[in-house]
Amino acid sequence: MNTTPAEGLTLAKEVIAQSAQVAEGVELIICPPFTHLAEAAKAVSGSRIRLGAQNCAMWAEGAYTGEVSAHMLSSIGVEYVILGHSERREHFAEYSAVLLKKIQQALSKGLKPILCCGERLDEREAEQHLDIVDGQIDSIIRKLSAEQMQQLLVAYEPVWAIGTGRTATAQQAQEMHAHIRAVVAKRFGALQAEEISILYGGSCKPSNAAELFAQPDVDGGLIGGASLKAADFIAIAQAFGA
């Protein structure tokens, strides 16, 4: 929840202008607030930048004042939607039953969900982190078909590393990403697990991006605060494959 529409549009245009500095094989997605999406869609049209939203409703339409449906998003050119972000889980009690409905809505309208998962500090210190994330992922994907899984991305957020200045080590990130891939493999097989993109979303910044992205199971980043500066966002993207 940052920037006015005008500020957000300026930021999007800066990212577009600097995107040529990023290797062609790297996919770039921006996910501005709802108020910015229509203008952002116009701005990214014809560029390499893909557009995502930060959330969507679990209903198709109806008397749900304040909600934004997957169909509304897809109709203006949105291609991705972040679902289950740790802040949504914490502040709005969005857990598996709600997230499953949102994911199904997104998929039904051709959106690609970015499903977030991750553990709190107390859960990691109690060595429950693998079990927590296992449950968050499996409770959703067990309800999806193999075809639906092909449209899904996963983002791992160590909640204890978001906005705290702390970052999971590259080894901690790799351990969890490998675990998530194993959870997918158990349900859908090794080939599907290999193809799914698993992003790291815990205070990734230019100074640590290359080390994180060098891990074999880290396929990209879900960038938070660093995405508010185009130069930082581009620097992180440049680190992928560096």
Protein backbone atom coordinates (compact mmCIF):
# COMPACT_ATOMS: atom_id res chain seq x y z
CA MET A 1 0.00 0.00 0.00
CA ASN A 2 2.45 2.57 -1.32
CA THR A 3 2.41 5.47 -3.83
CA THR A 4 -0.41 7.48 -5.35
CA PRO A 5 -1.58 6.45 -8.83
CA ALA A 6 0.58 9.19 -10.36
CA GLU A 7 3.64 8.12 -8.38
CA GLY A 8 3.01 4.49 -9.19
CA LEU A 9 2.72 5.25 -12.89
CA THR A 10 6.02 7.13 -12.79
CA LEU A 11 7.64 4.15 -11.07
CA ALA A 12 6.22 1.75 -13.66
CA LYS A 13 7.54 3.88 -16.49
CA GLU A 14 10.98 3.98 -14.87
CA VAL A 15 11.00 0.18 -14.66
CA ILE A 16 9.95 -0.07 -18.31
CA ALA A 17 12.67 2.37 -19.36
CA GLN A 18 15.37 0.44 -17.51
CA SER A 19 14.14 -3.06 -18.39
CA ALA A 20 16.47 -3.29 -21.38
CA GLN A 21 19.31 -3.64 -18.86
CA VAL A 22 17.90 -7.03 -17.80
CA ALA A 23 18.65 -10.24 -19.71
CA GLU A 24 15.89 -11.24 -22.11
CA GLY A 25 15.26 -14.57 -20.39
CA VAL A 26 14.23 -12.90 -17.13
CA GLU A 27 10.50 -12.26 -16.73
CA LEU A 28 9.58 -8.96 -15.06
CA ILE A 29 6.20 -8.51 -13.33
CA ILE A 30 4.93 -5.44 -11.51
CA CYS A 31 2.03 -5.67 -9.05
CA PRO A 32 0.74 -2.18 -8.15
CA PRO A 33 -2.33 -1.41 -6.00
CA PHE A 34 -5.81 -1.74 -7.51
CA THR A 35 -6.10 2.03 -8.03
CA HIS A 36 -3.06 2.00 -10.32
CA LEU A 37 -3.80 -1.05 -12.46
CA ALA A 38 -5.75 0.44 -15.37
CA GLU A 39 -3.13 3.10 -16.10
CA ALA A 40 -0.29 0.67 -15.46
CA ALA A 41 -1.85 -1.71 -17.99
CA LYS A 42 -1.68 1.02 -20.62
CA ALA A 43 1.89 1.86 -19.68
CA VAL A 44 3.22 -1.71 -19.96
CA SER A 45 1.32 -2.50 -23.17
CA GLY A 46 3.84 -3.43 -25.84
CA SER A 47 6.69 -3.73 -23.34
CA ARG A 48 8.27 -6.81 -21.79
CA ILE A 49 6.73 -6.00 -18.41
CA ARG A 50 3.86 -8.22 -17.25
CA LEU A 51 1.15 -6.93 -14.91
CA GLY A 52 -0.07 -8.48 -11.67
CA ALA A 53 -2.46 -7.54 -8.85
CA GLN A 54 -1.88 -7.82 -5.12
CA ASN A 55 -5.12 -9.68 -4.36
CA CYS A 56 -8.51 -10.68 -5.73
CA ALA A 57 -11.91 -11.66 -4.35
CA MET A 58 -12.98 -15.23 -3.65
CA TRP A 59 -16.29 -14.57 -5.40
CA ALA A 60 -17.02 -14.12 -9.09
CA GLU A 61 -19.39 -11.15 -8.63
CA GLY A 62 -22.20 -9.89 -6.45
CA ALA A 63 -22.93 -7.88 -3.31
CA TYR A 64 -19.40 -7.81 -1.90
CA THR A 65 -18.74 -4.11 -1.49
CA GLY A 66 -15.06 -3.21 -1.65
CA GLU A 67 -13.97 -6.43 -3.35
CA VAL A 68 -12.29 -6.73 -6.77
CA SER A 69 -12.97 -9.85 -8.82
CA ALA A 70 -10.58 -11.90 -10.92
CA HIS A 71 -12.70 -11.09 -13.96
CA MET A 72 -12.35 -7.34 -13.32
CA LEU A 73 -8.59 -7.80 -13.21
CA SER A 74 -8.28 -9.95 -16.31
CA SER A 75 -10.52 -7.58 -18.27
CA ILE A 76 -7.96 -4.76 -18.00
CA GLY A 77 -4.91 -6.86 -18.87
CA VAL A 78 -3.77 -8.21 -15.51
CA GLU A 79 -2.05 -11.60 -15.92
CA TYR A 80 -0.88 -12.49 -12.40
CA VAL A 81 -2.28 -12.12 -8.88
CA ILE A 82 -0.51 -12.45 -5.53
CA LEU A 83 -2.54 -14.57 -3.11
CA GLY A 84 -1.91 -15.59 0.49
CA HIS A 85 0.74 -12.98 1.19
CA SER A 86 1.84 -13.11 4.84
CA GLU A 87 0.29 -9.70 5.48
CA ARG A 88 -3.05 -10.91 4.13
CA ARG A 89 -2.81 -14.03 6.29
CA GLU A 90 -1.92 -12.02 9.40
CA HIS A 91 -4.20 -8.99 9.08
CA PHE A 92 -7.16 -10.47 7.20
CA ALA A 93 -7.17 -14.12 8.32
CA GLU A 94 -6.77 -15.45 4.79
CA TYR A 95 -6.08 -19.12 5.24
CA SER A 96 -6.46 -22.24 3.13
CA ALA A 97 -10.23 -22.33 2.58
CA VAL A 98 -10.33 -18.68 1.50
CA LEU A 99 -7.16 -18.92 -0.56
CA LEU A 100 -8.37 -21.98 -2.42
CA LYS A 101 -11.50 -20.12 -3.52
CA LYS A 102 -9.42 -17.13 -4.60
CA ILE A 103 -7.03 -19.33 -6.56
CA GLN A 104 -9.90 -21.10 -8.27
CA GLN A 105 -11.43 -17.74 -9.21
CA ALA A 106 -8.11 -16.51 -10.56
CA LEU A 107 -7.53 -19.65 -12.60
CA SER A 108 -11.06 -19.56 -14.01
CA LYS A 109 -10.35 -16.12 -15.46
CA GLY A 110 -6.95 -16.97 -16.90
CA LEU A 111 -4.88 -15.34 -14.16
CA LYS A 112 -1.72 -16.97 -12.86
CA PRO A 113 -1.78 -17.08 -9.05
CA ILE A 114 1.40 -16.43 -7.07
CA LEU A 115 0.70 -18.45 -3.92
CA CYS A 116 2.65 -17.18 -0.91
CA CYS A 117 3.71 -19.32 2.01
CA GLY A 118 6.09 -18.96 4.95
CA GLU A 119 6.69 -19.35 8.66
CA ARG A 120 6.87 -16.94 11.59
CA LEU A 121 9.98 -16.59 13.76
CA ASP A 122 8.54 -18.66 16.62
CA GLU A 123 7.71 -21.46 14.19
CA ARG A 124 11.24 -21.48 12.77
CA GLU A 125 12.83 -21.40 16.22
CA ALA A 126 10.64 -24.37 17.19
CA GLU A 127 11.91 -26.12 14.03
CA GLN A 128 8.36 -26.33 12.69
CA HIS A 129 9.10 -24.31 9.54
CA LEU A 130 9.08 -27.22 7.11
CA ASP A 131 5.83 -28.62 8.49
CA ILE A 132 4.15 -25.19 8.46
CA VAL A 133 4.98 -24.53 4.83
CA ASP A 134 4.17 -28.13 3.89
CA GLY A 135 0.66 -27.62 5.27
CA GLN A 136 0.19 -24.24 3.59
CA ILE A 137 1.13 -25.63 0.18
CA ASP A 138 -0.41 -29.09 0.31
CA SER A 139 -3.78 -27.85 1.59
CA ILE A 140 -4.12 -25.88 -1.66
CA ILE A 141 -2.50 -28.01 -4.35
CA ARG A 142 -4.33 -31.19 -3.33
CA LYS A 143 -7.48 -29.48 -4.67
CA LEU A 144 -5.93 -28.50 -8.01
CA SER A 145 -5.57 -30.45 -11.23
CA ALA A 146 -2.25 -30.97 -12.99
CA GLU A 147 -3.36 -28.47 -15.65
CA GLN A 148 -4.16 -25.87 -12.99
CA MET A 149 -0.81 -26.44 -11.32
CA GLN A 150 0.92 -25.46 -14.53
CA GLN A 151 -0.46 -21.93 -14.06
CA LEU A 152 0.60 -21.61 -10.42
CA LEU A 153 3.73 -19.96 -9.00
CA VAL A 154 4.82 -20.25 -5.37
CA ALA A 155 6.56 -17.54 -3.34
CA TYR A 156 8.33 -18.43 -0.09
CA GLU A 157 8.26 -15.65 2.49
CA PRO A 158 10.10 -16.22 5.75
CA VAL A 159 7.79 -13.92 7.70
CA TRP A 160 10.53 -13.18 10.21
CA ALA A 161 12.61 -11.64 7.40
CA ILE A 162 9.99 -9.25 6.00
CA GLY A 163 10.50 -5.61 6.92
CA THR A 164 12.83 -6.57 9.77
CA GLY A 165 16.13 -6.11 7.98
CA ARG A 166 16.83 -9.79 8.54
CA THR A 167 17.19 -12.09 5.56
CA ALA A 168 17.19 -15.84 5.35
CA THR A 169 20.60 -17.14 4.39
CA ALA A 170 20.97 -18.54 0.91
CA GLN A 171 21.17 -21.98 2.50
CA GLN A 172 17.93 -21.46 4.45
CA ALA A 173 16.19 -20.26 1.29
CA GLN A 174 17.47 -23.23 -0.69
CA GLU A 175 16.38 -25.69 1.99
CA MET A 176 12.82 -24.37 1.94
CA HIS A 177 12.58 -24.04 -1.82
CA ALA A 178 13.78 -27.61 -2.24
CA HIS A 179 11.20 -28.70 0.33
CA ILE A 180 8.41 -26.91 -1.53
CA ARG A 181 9.49 -28.57 -4.76
CA ALA A 182 9.42 -31.94 -3.00
CA VAL A 183 5.87 -31.25 -1.77
CA VAL A 184 4.79 -30.54 -5.34
CA ALA A 185 6.63 -33.62 -6.62
CA LYS A 186 4.88 -35.82 -4.08
CA ARG A 187 1.50 -34.67 -5.36
CA PHE A 188 2.18 -34.19 -9.11
CA GLY A 189 5.47 -35.87 -9.94
CA ALA A 190 9.04 -34.77 -10.49
CA LEU A 191 8.49 -33.19 -13.92
CA GLN A 192 5.73 -30.87 -12.70
CA ALA A 193 7.81 -29.99 -9.65
CA GLU A 194 10.78 -29.11 -11.82
CA GLU A 195 8.69 -26.80 -14.00
CA ILE A 196 7.02 -24.79 -11.23
CA SER A 197 8.57 -21.41 -10.45
CA ILE A 198 9.37 -20.90 -6.76
CA LEU A 199 10.21 -17.30 -5.80
CA TYR A 200 12.00 -16.00 -2.72
CA GLY A 201 10.21 -13.17 -0.91
CA GLY A 202 12.08 -12.21 2.24
CA SER A 203 13.88 -8.85 2.07
CA CYS A 204 15.59 -9.58 -1.23
CA LYS A 205 17.70 -6.60 -2.28
CA PRO A 206 20.55 -5.80 -4.69
CA SER A 207 23.20 -6.75 -2.14
CA ASN A 208 21.97 -10.31 -1.56
CA ALA A 209 20.04 -11.13 -4.74
CA ALA A 210 22.87 -12.83 -6.62
CA GLU A 211 23.65 -15.22 -3.77
CA LEU A 212 19.97 -16.10 -3.32
CA PHE A 213 19.34 -16.57 -7.04
CA ALA A 214 22.43 -18.78 -7.37
CA GLN A 215 20.65 -21.48 -5.37
CA PRO A 216 19.37 -24.29 -7.61
CA ASP A 217 15.76 -24.17 -6.39
CA VAL A 218 15.36 -20.37 -6.19
CA ASP A 219 13.70 -19.39 -9.47
CA GLY A 220 13.24 -15.67 -8.83
CA GLY A 221 12.08 -13.13 -6.30
CA LEU A 222 8.90 -11.59 -4.92
CA ILE A 223 10.31 -8.15 -4.20
CA GLY A 224 8.85 -5.94 -1.48
CA GLY A 225 10.37 -2.65 -0.33
CA ALA A 226 13.18 -2.74 -2.88
CA SER A 227 10.60 -2.59 -5.68
CA LEU A 228 9.73 0.99 -4.72
CA LYS A 229 12.94 2.16 -6.39
CA ALA A 230 13.21 1.27 -10.05
CA ALA A 231 17.02 1.11 -9.92
CA ASP A 232 16.96 -1.39 -7.04
CA PHE A 233 14.29 -3.51 -8.70
CA ILE A 234 16.28 -3.62 -11.95
CA ALA A 235 19.51 -4.37 -10.07
CA ILE A 236 17.85 -7.35 -8.41
CA ALA A 237 16.58 -8.59 -11.78
CA GLN A 238 20.08 -8.18 -13.24
CA ALA A 239 21.40 -10.44 -10.48
CA PHE A 240 19.32 -13.34 -11.77
CA GLY A 241 21.62 -15.56 -13.78
CA ALA A 242 24.59 -13.31 -13.10
